Amino acid sequence: MNRRHAIRTLSALVAMVCFPKFELLSKPGPLNLHFIGLGGAGCNIIEYIHKKGINARYTCITSPERPHLPADIEFIPFGPAEIDYHTYKMGMKDYEISKDIQNLFTSNLKFVLFAGFGGNTGTNLTRQLAAMLRQKNKEFMAIYTMPFNFEGPSHKAFTLKAKQAMNGISNVHSFDLEVIRQKYENVTLYVAFQKADEYCYQLFRKNILMQSSDPSLIYSLPL
């Protein structure tokens, strides 16, 4: 070991002894973000983001209950636990927003809503909560997916109507699932929805980095 190497090694050992908390202090703290998944597809997206290890707050709003959720993802039941698809009807409707959901938005965090348009819960809740957050002057972003073409004209018409209802709300972004089908052709639905989770995260990451004045944020949001 040469002298220069010995000095560097000794300095590192002294730092570890004198400043044992240095490594912990250098890690980024929790981000000023609250990820909220609305409906099944929205909750799948935040579970995907959670696996990236991003230090933020997470909430899943859907039904039925998800017993496999990590302990630090809050779960709020919303909507029917079971759906009878023989009588199930899609349509624009205003839900009664429970106190549990309203209380999520009392903080000064930046709220990031994720949903898949097509079902009643994700589509209608996104529209209602985005309007509520704008009215309350809260900082937020909403990202949602538009359904595949093969899901039928009724799905498409419903989601387009909901999309139009949100046209006047800023910082709302959508991703069309049909892009995945066209790009990857014969990919299975399971893989397609995994791709959708990734696309939605990258859409969020791109926009939050463009809007933030904190250059260090890029290190807290992995690719």
Protein backbone atom coordinates (compact mmCIF):
# COMPACT_ATOMS: atom_id res chain seq x y z
CA MET A 1 0.00 0.00 0.00
CA ASN A 2 1.51 3.34 -1.01
CA ARG A 3 1.43 6.42 1.20
CA ARG A 4 -1.37 8.18 -0.70
CA HIS A 5 -3.61 5.10 -0.54
CA ALA A 6 -2.86 4.69 3.17
CA ILE A 7 -3.87 8.30 3.90
CA ARG A 8 -7.15 7.90 1.99
CA THR A 9 -7.94 4.66 3.84
CA LEU A 10 -7.12 6.20 7.22
CA SER A 11 -9.29 9.26 6.45
CA ALA A 12 -12.22 7.03 5.55
CA LEU A 13 -11.87 5.06 8.79
CA VAL A 14 -11.75 8.26 10.85
CA ALA A 15 -14.90 9.53 9.12
CA MET A 16 -16.73 6.27 9.87
CA VAL A 17 -15.77 6.43 13.55
CA CYS A 18 -16.37 10.13 14.08
CA PHE A 19 -19.44 10.48 11.85
CA PRO A 20 -21.28 7.12 12.00
CA LYS A 21 -24.51 8.72 10.79
CA PHE A 22 -22.95 10.30 7.73
CA GLU A 23 -24.25 7.63 5.33
CA LEU A 24 -27.77 7.86 6.73
CA LEU A 25 -27.80 11.63 6.54
CA SER A 26 -26.68 11.58 2.93
CA LYS A 27 -29.70 9.56 1.81
CA PRO A 28 -32.58 11.61 0.36
CA GLY A 29 -35.54 12.17 2.65
CA PRO A 30 -39.16 11.57 1.71
CA LEU A 31 -40.33 13.43 -1.36
CA ASN A 32 -43.10 16.00 -1.16
CA LEU A 33 -45.31 13.64 -3.17
CA HIS A 34 -48.43 11.59 -2.50
CA PHE A 35 -49.13 8.89 -5.10
CA ILE A 36 -52.81 7.92 -5.22
CA GLY A 37 -54.16 5.03 -7.28
CA LEU A 38 -57.83 5.21 -8.27
CA GLY A 39 -59.51 1.95 -9.24
CA GLY A 40 -57.75 -1.30 -10.07
CA ALA A 41 -55.52 0.00 -12.86
CA GLY A 42 -54.49 3.09 -10.88
CA CYS A 43 -53.53 0.95 -7.90
CA ASN A 44 -51.47 -1.35 -10.12
CA ILE A 45 -49.50 1.70 -11.26
CA ILE A 46 -48.67 2.89 -7.75
CA GLU A 47 -47.66 -0.63 -6.72
CA TYR A 48 -45.26 -0.57 -9.68
CA ILE A 49 -43.88 2.82 -8.58
CA HIS A 50 -43.60 1.66 -4.97
CA LYS A 51 -41.35 -1.23 -6.08
CA LYS A 52 -38.89 1.34 -7.43
CA GLY A 53 -38.18 2.36 -3.85
CA ILE A 54 -39.32 5.96 -4.20
CA ASN A 55 -39.66 7.50 -0.75
CA ALA A 56 -43.11 9.10 -0.82
CA ARG A 57 -46.64 8.58 0.49
CA TYR A 58 -48.87 6.01 -1.23
CA THR A 59 -52.63 5.39 -1.15
CA CYS A 60 -54.75 2.87 -3.00
CA ILE A 61 -58.49 3.57 -3.46
CA THR A 62 -60.44 0.68 -4.95
CA SER A 63 -62.36 -2.52 -4.26
CA PRO A 64 -62.03 -5.35 -3.49
CA GLU A 65 -59.39 -5.21 -0.77
CA ARG A 66 -55.80 -5.97 -1.72
CA PRO A 67 -54.36 -8.09 1.11
CA HIS A 68 -50.93 -8.27 -0.57
CA LEU A 69 -50.33 -4.49 -0.38
CA PRO A 70 -47.13 -3.44 1.42
CA ALA A 71 -47.77 -1.97 4.87
CA ASP A 72 -46.78 1.56 3.80
CA ILE A 73 -49.44 1.73 1.07
CA GLU A 74 -52.65 2.96 2.67
CA PHE A 75 -55.81 1.24 1.45
CA ILE A 76 -59.23 2.92 1.29
CA PRO A 77 -62.09 0.72 0.06
CA PHE A 78 -64.28 2.33 -2.58
CA GLY A 79 -66.88 0.88 -4.92
CA PRO A 80 -68.55 -2.55 -4.99
CA ALA A 81 -66.50 -5.49 -3.73
CA GLU A 82 -67.93 -7.63 -6.54
CA ILE A 83 -69.22 -6.61 -9.97
CA ASP A 84 -72.05 -8.31 -11.82
CA TYR A 85 -71.00 -7.74 -15.44
CA HIS A 86 -74.49 -8.70 -16.66
CA THR A 87 -75.94 -5.58 -15.03
CA TYR A 88 -72.80 -3.39 -14.90
CA LYS A 89 -73.25 -0.04 -16.61
CA MET A 90 -70.62 2.56 -17.32
CA GLY A 91 -71.48 6.21 -17.22
CA MET A 92 -70.68 9.68 -15.96
CA LYS A 93 -71.75 9.94 -12.34
CA ASP A 94 -70.71 11.93 -9.30
CA TYR A 95 -69.83 9.79 -6.31
CA GLU A 96 -70.13 10.83 -2.69
CA ILE A 97 -66.54 11.41 -1.59
CA SER A 98 -66.03 9.89 1.86
CA LYS A 99 -64.30 11.71 4.71
CA ASP A 100 -61.43 9.23 4.53
CA ILE A 101 -60.75 10.27 0.94
CA GLN A 102 -61.28 13.99 1.59
CA ASN A 103 -58.82 13.86 4.50
CA LEU A 104 -56.07 12.64 2.15
CA PHE A 105 -55.94 16.09 0.60
CA THR A 106 -55.53 18.25 3.71
CA SER A 107 -51.71 18.19 3.53
CA ASN A 108 -49.48 20.41 1.40
CA LEU A 109 -47.97 17.50 -0.52
CA LYS A 110 -48.15 17.36 -4.30
CA PHE A 111 -50.82 14.81 -5.21
CA VAL A 112 -50.28 12.49 -8.18
CA LEU A 113 -53.43 10.66 -9.27
CA PHE A 114 -53.21 7.53 -11.42
CA ALA A 115 -56.14 5.74 -13.03
CA GLY A 116 -57.23 3.61 -15.93
CA PHE A 117 -60.19 5.11 -17.76
CA GLY A 118 -62.89 2.63 -18.71
CA GLY A 119 -64.30 1.53 -15.36
CA ASN A 120 -66.58 3.69 -13.24
CA THR A 121 -64.31 4.09 -10.20
CA GLY A 122 -61.10 5.23 -11.89
CA THR A 123 -62.81 7.35 -14.54
CA ASN A 124 -65.32 9.19 -12.38
CA LEU A 125 -63.14 9.57 -9.29
CA THR A 126 -60.28 11.05 -11.33
CA ARG A 127 -62.60 13.59 -12.88
CA GLN A 128 -64.17 14.53 -9.53
CA LEU A 129 -60.96 14.69 -7.52
CA ALA A 130 -59.09 16.69 -10.16
CA ALA A 131 -61.90 19.26 -10.15
CA MET A 132 -61.90 19.32 -6.34
CA LEU A 133 -58.12 19.80 -6.14
CA ARG A 134 -58.21 22.62 -8.65
CA GLN A 135 -60.97 24.32 -6.66
CA LYS A 136 -58.91 24.01 -3.47
CA ASN A 137 -55.78 25.34 -5.25
CA LYS A 138 -53.86 22.17 -4.41
CA GLU A 139 -50.76 21.21 -6.36
CA PHE A 140 -51.48 18.02 -8.28
CA MET A 141 -50.99 15.98 -11.41
CA ALA A 142 -53.34 13.40 -12.91
CA ILE A 143 -52.29 10.62 -15.28
CA TYR A 144 -54.70 8.11 -16.77
CA THR A 145 -54.82 5.50 -19.51
CA MET A 146 -57.35 5.33 -22.36
CA PRO A 147 -58.70 1.85 -23.16
CA PHE A 148 -57.72 -0.49 -25.96
CA ASN A 149 -59.85 -0.28 -29.11
CA PHE A 150 -61.00 -3.88 -28.70
CA GLU A 151 -62.70 -2.99 -25.40
CA GLY A 152 -65.56 -1.69 -27.52
CA PRO A 153 -67.22 1.56 -28.60
CA SER A 154 -69.13 2.03 -25.34
CA HIS A 155 -65.85 2.11 -23.37
CA LYS A 156 -64.35 4.52 -25.86
CA ALA A 157 -67.36 6.84 -25.83
CA PHE A 158 -67.49 6.88 -22.02
CA THR A 159 -63.79 7.63 -21.61
CA LEU A 160 -63.80 10.31 -24.31
CA LYS A 161 -66.68 12.04 -22.54
CA ALA A 162 -64.77 11.96 -19.26
CA LYS A 163 -61.61 13.21 -21.00
CA GLN A 164 -63.51 16.13 -22.50
CA ALA A 165 -64.90 16.99 -19.06
CA MET A 166 -61.31 17.44 -17.83
CA ASN A 167 -60.11 19.57 -20.75
CA GLY A 168 -60.07 22.76 -18.69
CA ILE A 169 -57.95 21.29 -15.89
CA SER A 170 -54.20 21.78 -16.19
CA ASN A 171 -51.50 19.19 -15.48
CA VAL A 172 -53.66 16.27 -16.61
CA HIS A 173 -52.00 13.74 -18.92
CA SER A 174 -53.29 10.65 -20.70
CA PHE A 175 -51.75 7.62 -22.36
CA ASP A 176 -53.58 5.52 -24.96
CA LEU A 177 -53.18 1.78 -24.37
CA GLU A 178 -53.67 1.15 -28.08
CA VAL A 179 -50.13 2.51 -28.58
CA ILE A 180 -48.78 -0.54 -26.71
CA ARG A 181 -50.82 -2.99 -28.80
CA GLN A 182 -49.60 -1.39 -32.02
CA LYS A 183 -45.98 -1.23 -30.90
CA TYR A 184 -45.68 -4.74 -29.42
CA GLU A 185 -48.36 -6.47 -31.58
CA ASN A 186 -48.92 -9.97 -30.15
CA VAL A 187 -47.97 -9.17 -26.57
CA THR A 188 -50.22 -10.73 -23.89
CA LEU A 189 -52.61 -8.52 -21.92
CA TYR A 190 -50.61 -9.17 -18.74
CA VAL A 191 -47.43 -7.84 -20.35
CA ALA A 192 -49.34 -5.00 -22.02
CA PHE A 193 -50.62 -3.72 -18.68
CA GLN A 194 -47.12 -4.00 -17.21
CA LYS A 195 -45.90 -1.84 -20.08
CA ALA A 196 -48.72 0.60 -19.32
CA ASP A 197 -47.56 0.92 -15.71
CA GLU A 198 -44.06 1.77 -16.95
CA TYR A 199 -45.33 4.27 -19.53
CA CYS A 200 -47.43 6.05 -16.89
CA TYR A 201 -44.48 6.27 -14.51
CA GLN A 202 -42.23 7.68 -17.23
CA LEU A 203 -44.95 10.19 -18.16
CA PHE A 204 -45.07 11.31 -14.53
CA ARG A 205 -41.28 11.42 -14.22
CA LYS A 206 -40.85 13.48 -17.38
CA ASN A 207 -43.43 16.07 -16.33
CA ILE A 208 -42.41 16.35 -12.67
CA LEU A 209 -38.76 16.92 -13.64
CA MET A 210 -39.80 19.60 -16.14
CA GLN A 211 -41.90 21.37 -13.51
CA SER A 212 -39.54 21.09 -10.55
CA SER A 213 -36.92 23.69 -9.69
CA ASP A 214 -34.98 21.12 -7.64
CA PRO A 215 -32.23 19.58 -9.83
CA SER A 216 -31.54 16.87 -7.23
CA LEU A 217 -35.02 15.38 -7.77
CA ILE A 218 -33.69 13.37 -10.70
CA TYR A 219 -31.66 11.22 -8.27
CA SER A 220 -34.78 10.33 -6.27
CA LEU A 221 -36.76 9.18 -9.32
CA PRO A 222 -35.04 6.18 -10.94
CA LEU A 223 -35.60 5.34 -14.59
